[in-house]
Amino acid sequence: ALLTNVQIERALTNDMSLALGYVNSTGRNLPTVLNSNVVPTGAVLPDGRPVFSRTISEATRFDPAFDTINEVRSTGESQYNALTVQFNRRFKGGIQAQASYTLAKAEDDAVIGGRYVIGSTDAPALSDPTDQERDRSYTSWNTTHTFVASAVLRPEVSGNGMGAWLANHNQLSLIFLANSGLTYDIRSNRDLNLDGISADRPNGIARNAGTLGNVFNMDARYSRFIPVRGAMRGEVFIEARNVFNRRSVRAVNAVVATDTLGNPVAEIPNEFPVTATFDPRQMQIGFKFVF
């Protein structure tokens, strides 16, 4: 793999700066999986994909003693490019803040995913064992737009009166995340090319052509510090994940009914049934004593 990271940072004031960066990661000789024991019959699907046979014979298998042979090859390639913009504000006047935006594109040609890589929903093998380029498209973790902002607010009021005591010793931490959503693969309910691998897509559909939808999430923590003596202090805090309890889709059932040639029997929907979401709002209250 070859990794390139170039960044330029400019001070705006004594406490604030802006950085602009470019990131590239190029992968070569990555693992892929394919059924290497099938022989094309000569028939093809409308988009040119070769069709094989489920009959096991010397005419349909390179080694007729076996049916499917899943072979791992180091032929995969990946490419990640990203433009990053980051704003930083050092802690001053009771406020510290950061914000960043990333415009990215991640592609590969069916590098091993699915059950082989935790967290991936990608297909477990090449959809066409004779042409790896047919699977070159977005990765299953491609996210085009990502925005992250965080802030720490800790008031600093001078004086010894009740107002200063109430205002001081408080801290509020916030983290906000927004992105354009992960991609997912739209697949046929049939083994269209009859290679024994359920990784076929309907005609005209690229790999990972679907997008799960925008994600918006806010996490927060509020602390009230209670000075005791010297370095000793107590802390009462409340933490919340997904403060606004917004539902963000994690996975969908994107299997499409097709005929034997890969043509959808009905119009492909814009939204598929949701099968999993990210965690709903979670909150906890705690107490800590430091000495």
C-alpha atoms as a PDB file:
ATOM      1  CA  ALA A   1       0.000   0.000   0.000  1.00  0.00           C
ATOM      2  CA  LEU A   2       1.142   3.553  -0.738  1.00  0.00           C
ATOM      3  CA  LEU A   3      -0.053   6.336   1.558  1.00  0.00           C
ATOM      4  CA  THR A   4       0.256  10.041   0.760  1.00  0.00           C
ATOM      5  CA  ASN A   5      -0.770  12.814   3.125  1.00  0.00           C
ATOM      6  CA  VAL A   6      -0.158  16.481   2.336  1.00  0.00           C
ATOM      7  CA  GLN A   7      -1.411  19.284   4.589  1.00  0.00           C
ATOM      8  CA  ILE A   8      -0.974  23.019   4.869  1.00  0.00           C
ATOM      9  CA  GLU A   9      -2.035  24.909   7.997  1.00  0.00           C
ATOM     10  CA  ARG A  10      -2.527  28.648   8.405  1.00  0.00           C
ATOM     11  CA  ALA A  11      -2.902  30.538  11.680  1.00  0.00           C
ATOM     12  CA  LEU A  12      -5.925  32.837  11.617  1.00  0.00           C
ATOM     13  CA  THR A  13      -5.317  34.340  15.078  1.00  0.00           C
ATOM     14  CA  ASN A  14      -3.183  33.390  18.053  1.00  0.00           C
ATOM     15  CA  ASP A  15      -5.808  30.818  19.022  1.00  0.00           C
ATOM     16  CA  MET A  16      -7.394  29.721  15.745  1.00  0.00           C
ATOM     17  CA  SER A  17      -6.051  27.946  12.668  1.00  0.00           C
ATOM     18  CA  LEU A  18      -7.306  26.452   9.414  1.00  0.00           C
ATOM     19  CA  ALA A  19      -5.776  23.417   7.697  1.00  0.00           C
ATOM     20  CA  LEU A  20      -6.294  22.075   4.181  1.00  0.00           C
ATOM     21  CA  GLY A  21      -5.147  18.569   3.317  1.00  0.00           C
ATOM     22  CA  TYR A  22      -5.144  15.805   0.719  1.00  0.00           C
ATOM     23  CA  VAL A  23      -5.006  12.093   1.512  1.00  0.00           C
ATOM     24  CA  ASN A  24      -4.401   9.242  -0.922  1.00  0.00           C
ATOM     25  CA  SER A  25      -4.144   5.543  -0.162  1.00  0.00           C
ATOM     26  CA  THR A  26      -3.404   3.129  -3.000  1.00  0.00           C
ATOM     27  CA  GLY A  27      -3.584  -0.600  -2.385  1.00  0.00           C
ATOM     28  CA  ARG A  28      -2.096  -3.319  -4.569  1.00  0.00           C
ATOM     29  CA  ASN A  29      -1.982  -7.127  -4.372  1.00  0.00           C
ATOM     30  CA  LEU A  30      -4.981  -7.212  -2.031  1.00  0.00           C
ATOM     31  CA  PRO A  31      -6.898 -10.476  -1.417  1.00  0.00           C
ATOM     32  CA  THR A  32      -9.954 -11.368  -3.486  1.00  0.00           C
ATOM     33  CA  VAL A  33     -12.076 -14.527  -3.585  1.00  0.00           C
ATOM     34  CA  LEU A  34     -13.504 -16.250  -6.665  1.00  0.00           C
ATOM     35  CA  ASN A  35     -14.772 -19.631  -7.781  1.00  0.00           C
ATOM     36  CA  SER A  36     -11.860 -20.836  -9.930  1.00  0.00           C
ATOM     37  CA  ASN A  37     -13.381 -24.197 -10.910  1.00  0.00           C
ATOM     38  CA  VAL A  38     -16.027 -23.152 -13.430  1.00  0.00           C
ATOM     39  CA  VAL A  39     -15.796 -23.237 -17.240  1.00  0.00           C
ATOM     40  CA  PRO A  40     -17.905 -20.782 -19.312  1.00  0.00           C
ATOM     41  CA  THR A  41     -20.618 -22.492 -21.358  1.00  0.00           C
ATOM     42  CA  GLY A  42     -20.564 -19.866 -24.122  1.00  0.00           C
ATOM     43  CA  ALA A  43     -23.879 -18.338 -23.077  1.00  0.00           C
ATOM     44  CA  VAL A  44     -23.868 -14.775 -21.730  1.00  0.00           C
ATOM     45  CA  LEU A  45     -26.240 -12.492 -19.824  1.00  0.00           C
ATOM     46  CA  PRO A  46     -27.487  -9.307 -21.575  1.00  0.00           C
ATOM     47  CA  ASP A  47     -24.646  -7.245 -20.063  1.00  0.00           C
ATOM     48  CA  GLY A  48     -21.985  -9.696 -21.268  1.00  0.00           C
ATOM     49  CA  ARG A  49     -21.415 -11.723 -18.097  1.00  0.00           C
ATOM     50  CA  PRO A  50     -20.545 -15.349 -18.967  1.00  0.00           C
ATOM     51  CA  VAL A  51     -22.909 -18.068 -17.816  1.00  0.00           C
ATOM     52  CA  PHE A  52     -21.634 -21.313 -16.286  1.00  0.00           C
ATOM     53  CA  SER A  53     -23.426 -24.542 -15.379  1.00  0.00           C
ATOM     54  CA  ARG A  54     -24.499 -26.193 -12.155  1.00  0.00           C
ATOM     55  CA  THR A  55     -23.893 -29.571 -13.766  1.00  0.00           C
ATOM     56  CA  ILE A  56     -20.585 -31.062 -12.608  1.00  0.00           C
ATOM     57  CA  SER A  57     -18.678 -32.604 -15.499  1.00  0.00           C
ATOM     58  CA  GLU A  58     -15.389 -32.386 -17.370  1.00  0.00           C
ATOM     59  CA  ALA A  59     -17.014 -29.829 -19.680  1.00  0.00           C
ATOM     60  CA  THR A  60     -18.149 -27.518 -16.861  1.00  0.00           C
ATOM     61  CA  ARG A  61     -15.410 -27.913 -14.214  1.00  0.00           C
ATOM     62  CA  PHE A  62     -11.650 -27.627 -14.478  1.00  0.00           C
ATOM     63  CA  ASP A  63     -11.538 -30.355 -11.839  1.00  0.00           C
ATOM     64  CA  PRO A  64     -14.776 -32.392 -12.000  1.00  0.00           C
ATOM     65  CA  ALA A  65     -13.922 -34.012  -8.670  1.00  0.00           C
ATOM     66  CA  PHE A  66     -15.084 -30.772  -7.034  1.00  0.00           C
ATOM     67  CA  ASP A  67     -17.939 -28.317  -7.482  1.00  0.00           C
ATOM     68  CA  THR A  68     -17.036 -24.885  -6.083  1.00  0.00           C
ATOM     69  CA  ILE A  69     -13.411 -24.041  -5.289  1.00  0.00           C
ATOM     70  CA  ASN A  70     -13.120 -20.677  -3.575  1.00  0.00           C
ATOM     71  CA  GLU A  71      -9.638 -19.419  -4.399  1.00  0.00           C
ATOM     72  CA  VAL A  72      -8.004 -16.451  -2.670  1.00  0.00           C
ATOM     73  CA  ARG A  73      -5.835 -14.411  -5.010  1.00  0.00           C
ATOM     74  CA  SER A  74      -3.687 -11.328  -4.399  1.00  0.00           C
ATOM     75  CA  THR A  75      -5.089  -9.439  -7.380  1.00  0.00           C
ATOM     76  CA  GLY A  76      -7.186  -6.785  -5.683  1.00  0.00           C
ATOM     77  CA  GLU A  77      -6.657  -3.041  -5.998  1.00  0.00           C
ATOM     78  CA  SER A  78      -8.045  -0.140  -4.010  1.00  0.00           C
ATOM     79  CA  GLN A  79      -7.936   3.629  -4.272  1.00  0.00           C
ATOM     80  CA  TYR A  80      -8.895   6.224  -1.655  1.00  0.00           C
ATOM     81  CA  ASN A  81      -8.753   9.975  -2.261  1.00  0.00           C
ATOM     82  CA  ALA A  82      -9.900  12.647   0.156  1.00  0.00           C
ATOM     83  CA  LEU A  83      -9.852  16.419   0.544  1.00  0.00           C
ATOM     84  CA  THR A  84      -9.910  17.574   4.168  1.00  0.00           C
ATOM     85  CA  VAL A  85     -10.584  20.953   5.752  1.00  0.00           C
ATOM     86  CA  GLN A  86     -10.057  21.414   9.494  1.00  0.00           C
ATOM     87  CA  PHE A  87     -10.662  24.324  11.869  1.00  0.00           C
ATOM     88  CA  ASN A  88      -9.107  24.435  15.344  1.00  0.00           C
ATOM     89  CA  ARG A  89      -9.661  26.817  18.243  1.00  0.00           C
ATOM     90  CA  ARG A  90      -7.456  26.362  21.270  1.00  0.00           C
ATOM     91  CA  PHE A  91      -9.003  26.637  24.713  1.00  0.00           C
ATOM     92  CA  LYS A  92      -9.543  30.281  25.585  1.00  0.00           C
ATOM     93  CA  GLY A  93     -12.251  32.136  27.420  1.00  0.00           C
ATOM     94  CA  GLY A  94     -13.859  28.866  28.438  1.00  0.00           C
ATOM     95  CA  ILE A  95     -14.271  27.566  24.872  1.00  0.00           C
ATOM     96  CA  GLN A  96     -12.387  24.991  22.818  1.00  0.00           C
ATOM     97  CA  ALA A  97     -13.657  23.906  19.384  1.00  0.00           C
ATOM     98  CA  GLN A  98     -12.769  21.787  16.375  1.00  0.00           C
ATOM     99  CA  ALA A  99     -14.536  21.186  13.076  1.00  0.00           C
ATOM    100  CA  SER A 100     -13.554  19.161  10.018  1.00  0.00           C
ATOM    101  CA  TYR A 101     -15.020  18.314   6.638  1.00  0.00           C
ATOM    102  CA  THR A 102     -13.919  15.451   4.375  1.00  0.00           C
ATOM    103  CA  LEU A 103     -14.817  14.963   0.712  1.00  0.00           C
ATOM    104  CA  ALA A 104     -13.773  11.407  -0.145  1.00  0.00           C
ATOM    105  CA  LYS A 105     -14.039   8.627  -2.691  1.00  0.00           C
ATOM    106  CA  ALA A 106     -13.069   5.007  -1.977  1.00  0.00           C
ATOM    107  CA  GLU A 107     -13.036   2.356  -4.714  1.00  0.00           C
ATOM    108  CA  ASP A 108     -11.809  -1.215  -5.112  1.00  0.00           C
ATOM    109  CA  ASP A 109     -12.487  -4.297  -7.231  1.00  0.00           C
ATOM    110  CA  ALA A 110     -14.197  -6.589  -4.718  1.00  0.00           C
ATOM    111  CA  VAL A 111     -11.375  -6.866  -2.209  1.00  0.00           C
ATOM    112  CA  ILE A 112     -12.365  -9.461   0.414  1.00  0.00           C
ATOM    113  CA  GLY A 113     -15.205  -8.223   2.628  1.00  0.00           C
ATOM    114  CA  GLY A 114     -18.414  -9.655   4.016  1.00  0.00           C
ATOM    115  CA  ARG A 115     -17.848 -12.539   6.406  1.00  0.00           C
ATOM    116  CA  TYR A 116     -14.089 -12.123   6.014  1.00  0.00           C
ATOM    117  CA  VAL A 117     -13.907  -8.572   7.404  1.00  0.00           C
ATOM    118  CA  ILE A 118     -15.790  -7.486  10.538  1.00  0.00           C
ATOM    119  CA  GLY A 119     -18.133  -4.588   9.866  1.00  0.00           C
ATOM    120  CA  SER A 120     -18.204  -5.015   6.094  1.00  0.00           C
ATOM    121  CA  THR A 121     -21.364  -5.832   4.168  1.00  0.00           C
ATOM    122  CA  ASP A 122     -19.610  -6.329   0.855  1.00  0.00           C
ATOM    123  CA  ALA A 123     -20.079  -9.375  -1.372  1.00  0.00           C
ATOM    124  CA  PRO A 124     -17.963 -12.401  -0.358  1.00  0.00           C
ATOM    125  CA  ALA A 125     -16.593 -13.072  -3.855  1.00  0.00           C
ATOM    126  CA  LEU A 126     -16.223 -11.699  -7.374  1.00  0.00           C
ATOM    127  CA  SER A 127     -19.518 -11.613  -9.243  1.00  0.00           C
ATOM    128  CA  ASP A 128     -17.724 -12.575 -12.477  1.00  0.00           C
ATOM    129  CA  PRO A 129     -14.738 -14.908 -11.964  1.00  0.00           C
ATOM    130  CA  THR A 130     -13.506 -14.201 -15.511  1.00  0.00           C
ATOM    131  CA  ASP A 131     -13.384 -10.393 -15.263  1.00  0.00           C
ATOM    132  CA  GLN A 132     -12.387  -8.698 -12.019  1.00  0.00           C
ATOM    133  CA  GLU A 133     -12.857  -5.244 -13.560  1.00  0.00           C
ATOM    134  CA  ARG A 134     -16.618  -5.842 -13.581  1.00  0.00           C
ATOM    135  CA  ASP A 135     -16.600  -5.407  -9.782  1.00  0.00           C
ATOM    136  CA  ARG A 136     -14.571  -2.191  -9.713  1.00  0.00           C
ATOM    137  CA  SER A 137     -16.727   0.386  -7.944  1.00  0.00           C
ATOM    138  CA  TYR A 138     -17.305   2.000  -4.556  1.00  0.00           C
ATOM    139  CA  THR A 139     -16.149   0.139  -1.458  1.00  0.00           C
ATOM    140  CA  SER A 140     -18.714  -0.833   1.175  1.00  0.00           C
ATOM    141  CA  TRP A 141     -17.235   1.829   3.510  1.00  0.00           C
ATOM    142  CA  ASN A 142     -17.247   4.694   1.023  1.00  0.00           C
ATOM    143  CA  THR A 143     -18.665   7.899   2.511  1.00  0.00           C
ATOM    144  CA  THR A 144     -18.597  10.906   0.203  1.00  0.00           C
ATOM    145  CA  HIS A 145     -19.280  13.706   2.697  1.00  0.00           C
ATOM    146  CA  THR A 146     -18.318  13.713   6.381  1.00  0.00           C
ATOM    147  CA  PHE A 147     -18.574  16.609   8.826  1.00  0.00           C
ATOM    148  CA  VAL A 148     -17.453  16.388  12.456  1.00  0.00           C
ATOM    149  CA  ALA A 149     -17.539  19.179  15.038  1.00  0.00           C
ATOM    150  CA  SER A 150     -16.707  19.144  18.737  1.00  0.00           C
ATOM    151  CA  ALA A 151     -16.636  21.747  21.478  1.00  0.00           C
ATOM    152  CA  VAL A 152     -15.835  22.041  25.175  1.00  0.00           C
ATOM    153  CA  LEU A 153     -17.573  24.845  27.086  1.00  0.00           C
ATOM    154  CA  ARG A 154     -16.276  25.679  30.555  1.00  0.00           C
ATOM    155  CA  PRO A 155     -17.340  29.114  31.859  1.00  0.00           C
ATOM    156  CA  GLU A 156     -14.751  31.180  33.671  1.00  0.00           C
ATOM    157  CA  VAL A 157     -16.324  33.950  35.752  1.00  0.00           C
ATOM    158  CA  SER A 158     -14.209  35.999  38.134  1.00  0.00           C
ATOM    159  CA  GLY A 159     -15.302  36.830  41.648  1.00  0.00           C
ATOM    160  CA  ASN A 160     -16.288  34.981  44.805  1.00  0.00           C
ATOM    161  CA  GLY A 161     -20.021  35.594  44.857  1.00  0.00           C
ATOM    162  CA  MET A 162     -22.859  33.143  44.410  1.00  0.00           C
ATOM    163  CA  GLY A 163     -23.173  33.999  40.705  1.00  0.00           C
ATOM    164  CA  ALA A 164     -19.539  33.128  40.024  1.00  0.00           C
ATOM    165  CA  TRP A 165     -19.828  29.922  42.063  1.00  0.00           C
ATOM    166  CA  LEU A 166     -22.869  28.807  40.032  1.00  0.00           C
ATOM    167  CA  ALA A 167     -21.333  29.704  36.675  1.00  0.00           C
ATOM    168  CA  ASN A 168     -17.930  28.173  37.333  1.00  0.00           C
ATOM    169  CA  HIS A 169     -17.187  24.488  37.864  1.00  0.00           C
ATOM    170  CA  ASN A 170     -19.402  23.481  34.906  1.00  0.00           C
ATOM    171  CA  GLN A 171     -18.296  21.762  31.709  1.00  0.00           C
ATOM    172  CA  LEU A 172     -20.302  20.843  28.639  1.00  0.00           C
ATOM    173  CA  SER A 173     -18.759  18.668  25.898  1.00  0.00           C
ATOM    174  CA  LEU A 174     -20.460  18.183  22.523  1.00  0.00           C
ATOM    175  CA  ILE A 175     -19.646  16.019  19.496  1.00  0.00           C
ATOM    176  CA  PHE A 176     -21.658  16.286  16.278  1.00  0.00           C
ATOM    177  CA  LEU A 177     -21.327  13.968  13.292  1.00  0.00           C
ATOM    178  CA  ALA A 178     -23.003  14.195   9.896  1.00  0.00           C
ATOM    179  CA  ASN A 179     -22.244  12.148   6.799  1.00  0.00           C
ATOM    180  CA  SER A 180     -23.838  11.119   3.545  1.00  0.00           C
ATOM    181  CA  GLY A 181     -24.142   7.432   4.482  1.00  0.00           C
ATOM    182  CA  LEU A 182     -22.437   4.183   3.554  1.00  0.00           C
ATOM    183  CA  THR A 183     -22.974   2.310   0.308  1.00  0.00           C
ATOM    184  CA  TYR A 184     -24.577  -1.115  -0.103  1.00  0.00           C
ATOM    185  CA  ASP A 185     -24.821  -3.748  -2.811  1.00  0.00           C
ATOM    186  CA  ILE A 186     -28.084  -4.350  -4.695  1.00  0.00           C
ATOM    187  CA  ARG A 187     -28.285  -8.047  -5.556  1.00  0.00           C
ATOM    188  CA  SER A 188     -30.453 -10.426  -7.514  1.00  0.00           C
ATOM    189  CA  ASN A 189     -32.377 -13.175  -5.741  1.00  0.00           C
ATOM    190  CA  ARG A 190     -30.866 -15.624  -8.250  1.00  0.00           C
ATOM    191  CA  ASP A 191     -27.445 -17.028  -9.027  1.00  0.00           C
ATOM    192  CA  LEU A 192     -27.606 -15.487 -12.487  1.00  0.00           C
ATOM    193  CA  ASN A 193     -24.328 -16.770 -13.917  1.00  0.00           C
ATOM    194  CA  LEU A 194     -24.650 -20.161 -12.166  1.00  0.00           C
ATOM    195  CA  ASP A 195     -21.152 -20.068 -10.676  1.00  0.00           C
ATOM    196  CA  GLY A 196     -22.434 -21.150  -7.257  1.00  0.00           C
ATOM    197  CA  ILE A 197     -21.768 -17.724  -5.661  1.00  0.00           C
ATOM    198  CA  SER A 198     -24.658 -15.494  -4.597  1.00  0.00           C
ATOM    199  CA  ALA A 199     -23.019 -12.199  -5.519  1.00  0.00           C
ATOM    200  CA  ASP A 200     -24.820 -11.358  -8.764  1.00  0.00           C
ATOM    201  CA  ARG A 201     -26.406  -7.984  -9.378  1.00  0.00           C
ATOM    202  CA  PRO A 202     -29.302  -7.118 -11.707  1.00  0.00           C
ATOM    203  CA  ASN A 203     -28.392  -5.947 -15.191  1.00  0.00           C
ATOM    204  CA  GLY A 204     -27.077  -2.389 -15.285  1.00  0.00           C
ATOM    205  CA  ILE A 205     -26.454  -2.126 -11.534  1.00  0.00           C
ATOM    206  CA  ALA A 206     -22.901  -1.372 -10.404  1.00  0.00           C
ATOM    207  CA  ARG A 207     -21.439  -2.828  -7.232  1.00  0.00           C
ATOM    208  CA  ASN A 208     -22.396  -0.896  -4.072  1.00  0.00           C
ATOM    209  CA  ALA A 209     -24.655   1.436  -6.042  1.00  0.00           C
ATOM    210  CA  GLY A 210     -27.049   2.019  -3.107  1.00  0.00           C
ATOM    211  CA  THR A 211     -26.610   4.562  -0.298  1.00  0.00           C
ATOM    212  CA  LEU A 212     -28.020   4.040   3.195  1.00  0.00           C
ATOM    213  CA  GLY A 213     -28.890   7.709   3.654  1.00  0.00           C
ATOM    214  CA  ASN A 214     -27.642  10.638   5.706  1.00  0.00           C
ATOM    215  CA  VAL A 215     -26.436  10.152   9.270  1.00  0.00           C
ATOM    216  CA  PHE A 216     -26.785  12.880  11.921  1.00  0.00           C
ATOM    217  CA  ASN A 217     -25.684  12.253  15.491  1.00  0.00           C
ATOM    218  CA  MET A 218     -25.048  14.377  18.583  1.00  0.00           C
ATOM    219  CA  ASP A 219     -23.308  13.122  21.742  1.00  0.00           C
ATOM    220  CA  ALA A 220     -23.077  15.253  24.878  1.00  0.00           C
ATOM    221  CA  ARG A 221     -21.616  15.207  28.404  1.00  0.00           C
ATOM    222  CA  TYR A 222     -22.341  17.692  31.192  1.00  0.00           C
ATOM    223  CA  SER A 223     -20.213  17.776  34.356  1.00  0.00           C
ATOM    224  CA  ARG A 224     -20.579  19.728  37.585  1.00  0.00           C
ATOM    225  CA  PHE A 225     -17.383  19.822  39.621  1.00  0.00           C
ATOM    226  CA  ILE A 226     -17.549  20.122  43.393  1.00  0.00           C
ATOM    227  CA  PRO A 227     -14.321  21.429  44.977  1.00  0.00           C
ATOM    228  CA  VAL A 228     -13.579  19.804  48.327  1.00  0.00           C
ATOM    229  CA  ARG A 229     -10.052  20.620  49.465  1.00  0.00           C
ATOM    230  CA  GLY A 230      -6.781  21.025  47.629  1.00  0.00           C
ATOM    231  CA  ALA A 231      -6.726  18.649  44.663  1.00  0.00           C
ATOM    232  CA  MET A 232      -9.760  16.754  45.938  1.00  0.00           C
ATOM    233  CA  ARG A 233     -13.027  17.297  44.101  1.00  0.00           C
ATOM    234  CA  GLY A 234     -16.213  15.501  43.205  1.00  0.00           C
ATOM    235  CA  GLU A 235     -17.844  15.348  39.793  1.00  0.00           C
ATOM    236  CA  VAL A 236     -21.480  14.696  38.970  1.00  0.00           C
ATOM    237  CA  PHE A 237     -22.021  14.027  35.270  1.00  0.00           C
ATOM    238  CA  ILE A 238     -24.648  13.015  32.757  1.00  0.00           C
ATOM    239  CA  GLU A 239     -23.771  11.551  29.360  1.00  0.00           C
ATOM    240  CA  ALA A 240     -25.994  11.030  26.334  1.00  0.00           C
ATOM    241  CA  ARG A 241     -25.389   9.330  22.993  1.00  0.00           C
ATOM    242  CA  ASN A 242     -27.615  10.200  20.051  1.00  0.00           C
ATOM    243  CA  VAL A 243     -29.135  13.086  22.019  1.00  0.00           C
ATOM    244  CA  PHE A 244     -31.941  13.724  19.520  1.00  0.00           C
ATOM    245  CA  ASN A 245     -32.723   9.985  19.183  1.00  0.00           C
ATOM    246  CA  ARG A 246     -32.499  10.148  15.404  1.00  0.00           C
ATOM    247  CA  ARG A 247     -32.794   6.867  13.535  1.00  0.00           C
ATOM    248  CA  SER A 248     -29.834   6.219  11.237  1.00  0.00           C
ATOM    249  CA  VAL A 249     -29.920   3.197   8.943  1.00  0.00           C
ATOM    250  CA  ARG A 250     -27.140   0.640   9.304  1.00  0.00           C
ATOM    251  CA  ALA A 251     -28.290  -2.095   6.876  1.00  0.00           C
ATOM    252  CA  VAL A 252     -31.117  -2.874   4.442  1.00  0.00           C
ATOM    253  CA  ASN A 253     -32.457  -5.916   2.629  1.00  0.00           C
ATOM    254  CA  ALA A 254     -31.409  -5.011  -0.921  1.00  0.00           C
ATOM    255  CA  VAL A 255     -32.267  -8.265  -2.694  1.00  0.00           C
ATOM    256  CA  VAL A 256     -34.205  -7.694  -5.926  1.00  0.00           C
ATOM    257  CA  ALA A 257     -36.348 -10.271  -7.704  1.00  0.00           C
ATOM    258  CA  THR A 258     -35.124 -10.781 -11.288  1.00  0.00           C
ATOM    259  CA  ASP A 259     -35.760 -13.161 -14.139  1.00  0.00           C
ATOM    260  CA  THR A 260     -33.092 -15.658 -15.208  1.00  0.00           C
ATOM    261  CA  LEU A 261     -31.434 -13.019 -17.420  1.00  0.00           C
ATOM    262  CA  GLY A 262     -31.020 -10.543 -14.542  1.00  0.00           C
ATOM    263  CA  ASN A 263     -33.815  -8.172 -15.507  1.00  0.00           C
ATOM    264  CA  PRO A 264     -35.787  -6.904 -12.455  1.00  0.00           C
ATOM    265  CA  VAL A 265     -39.388  -8.150 -12.474  1.00  0.00           C
ATOM    266  CA  ALA A 266     -40.447  -4.823 -10.903  1.00  0.00           C
ATOM    267  CA  GLU A 267     -39.005  -1.329 -10.654  1.00  0.00           C
ATOM    268  CA  ILE A 268     -36.050  -1.195  -8.268  1.00  0.00           C
ATOM    269  CA  PRO A 269     -37.176   0.847  -5.215  1.00  0.00           C
ATOM    270  CA  ASN A 270     -35.392   3.963  -4.004  1.00  0.00           C
ATOM    271  CA  GLU A 271     -35.592   2.664  -0.429  1.00  0.00           C
ATOM    272  CA  PHE A 272     -35.268  -0.946   0.733  1.00  0.00           C
ATOM    273  CA  PRO A 273     -36.612  -2.501   3.944  1.00  0.00           C
ATOM    274  CA  VAL A 274     -34.428  -1.553   6.917  1.00  0.00           C
ATOM    275  CA  THR A 275     -32.872  -4.524   8.734  1.00  0.00           C
ATOM    276  CA  ALA A 276     -30.624  -2.713  11.250  1.00  0.00           C
ATOM    277  CA  THR A 277     -30.134   0.787  12.660  1.00  0.00           C
ATOM    278  CA  PHE A 278     -27.492   2.466  14.778  1.00  0.00           C
ATOM    279  CA  ASP A 279     -28.077   2.724  18.537  1.00  0.00           C
ATOM    280  CA  PRO A 280     -30.998   4.836  19.777  1.00  0.00           C
ATOM    281  CA  ARG A 281     -30.532   7.459  22.502  1.00  0.00           C
ATOM    282  CA  GLN A 282     -28.636   6.172  25.528  1.00  0.00           C
ATOM    283  CA  MET A 283     -28.061   8.116  28.748  1.00  0.00           C
ATOM    284  CA  GLN A 284     -26.216   7.552  32.000  1.00  0.00           C
ATOM    285  CA  ILE A 285     -25.642   9.515  35.222  1.00  0.00           C
ATOM    286  CA  GLY A 286     -22.533   9.074  37.355  1.00  0.00           C
ATOM    287  CA  PHE A 287     -20.441  10.439  40.178  1.00  0.00           C
ATOM    288  CA  LYS A 288     -16.656  10.558  40.423  1.00  0.00           C
ATOM    289  CA  PHE A 289     -14.359  11.571  43.274  1.00  0.00           C
ATOM    290  CA  VAL A 290     -10.817  12.687  42.486  1.00  0.00           C
ATOM    291  CA  PHE A 291      -8.130  12.911  45.185  1.00  0.00           C
END
